Amino acid sequence: MTKIIDSISDIYNNYDFFILDQWGVMHDGQQGYKHAIEAVARLIDENKKLIIISNSSKRKISSVNRLKYLGFDKNHFIEIMTSGEMIWQELFNSSDKYGAQMKKCFHIFDTSKEDGKDFRIGLEKFEFVSNIKEADFILACTPFENTEPLDYITILNNALDKNLIMFCANPDFVTIEKNNDKNIFLHGDYCRFI
């Protein structure tokens, strides 16, 4: 039976660990929510262990470094994990897990975002190619700048023809940005078709 609560204080005595989502729960992308900052402080006062999860395509260090500017103390969290970090770790540790032929990567990313070329640091064992027909797999971080889902038809058709594995660093279908009044598509929108 679903329990309706008015505050985290209604349940915090029942748990030792709390997993917190990041965007939209702790902050709005620009600043931490006052109630979230207060809730984290209360949980720390009660000796609770806190973990942050996020389906951000960025590396973990990006989330760690932003906490201070959002009003949180990074030392209050025993772990911070992003989907981007999980994909990076999977590729970094892959060796021949997906076959020795997985050497050439077609990387989909927006050059203005930090999950672009910076994401490649440490992944030098792969050759990053600009032609999908040369690729052995796809790494999808953020959509190319100024593109729409229909712009990916040729890329996806070629990927299907080659039976390519696609690593999707952010499975969301859409997102919003503070200074934009429309939904912005993400890779989850077309990952379901590949």
Foldseek 3Di string as FASTA:
>chain_A
DDDDDDDCVVCLVVDQEDEAEDDPTQDPVQAGDPNNLVVLVVSVVVNHEYEYEYLALDAQVVVLVCQVRRPHHSVSHPYYYYLNNVLLVCLLPVCQVVHPPQAEEAEADEPVDCCPPVSCVSVVSHHYDPDLLPHQAYEFRWHYPPDDPVVCPVSVVSCVVNVHYYRYSHLDQWDDDPPDDDTHGGDVVCVVVD
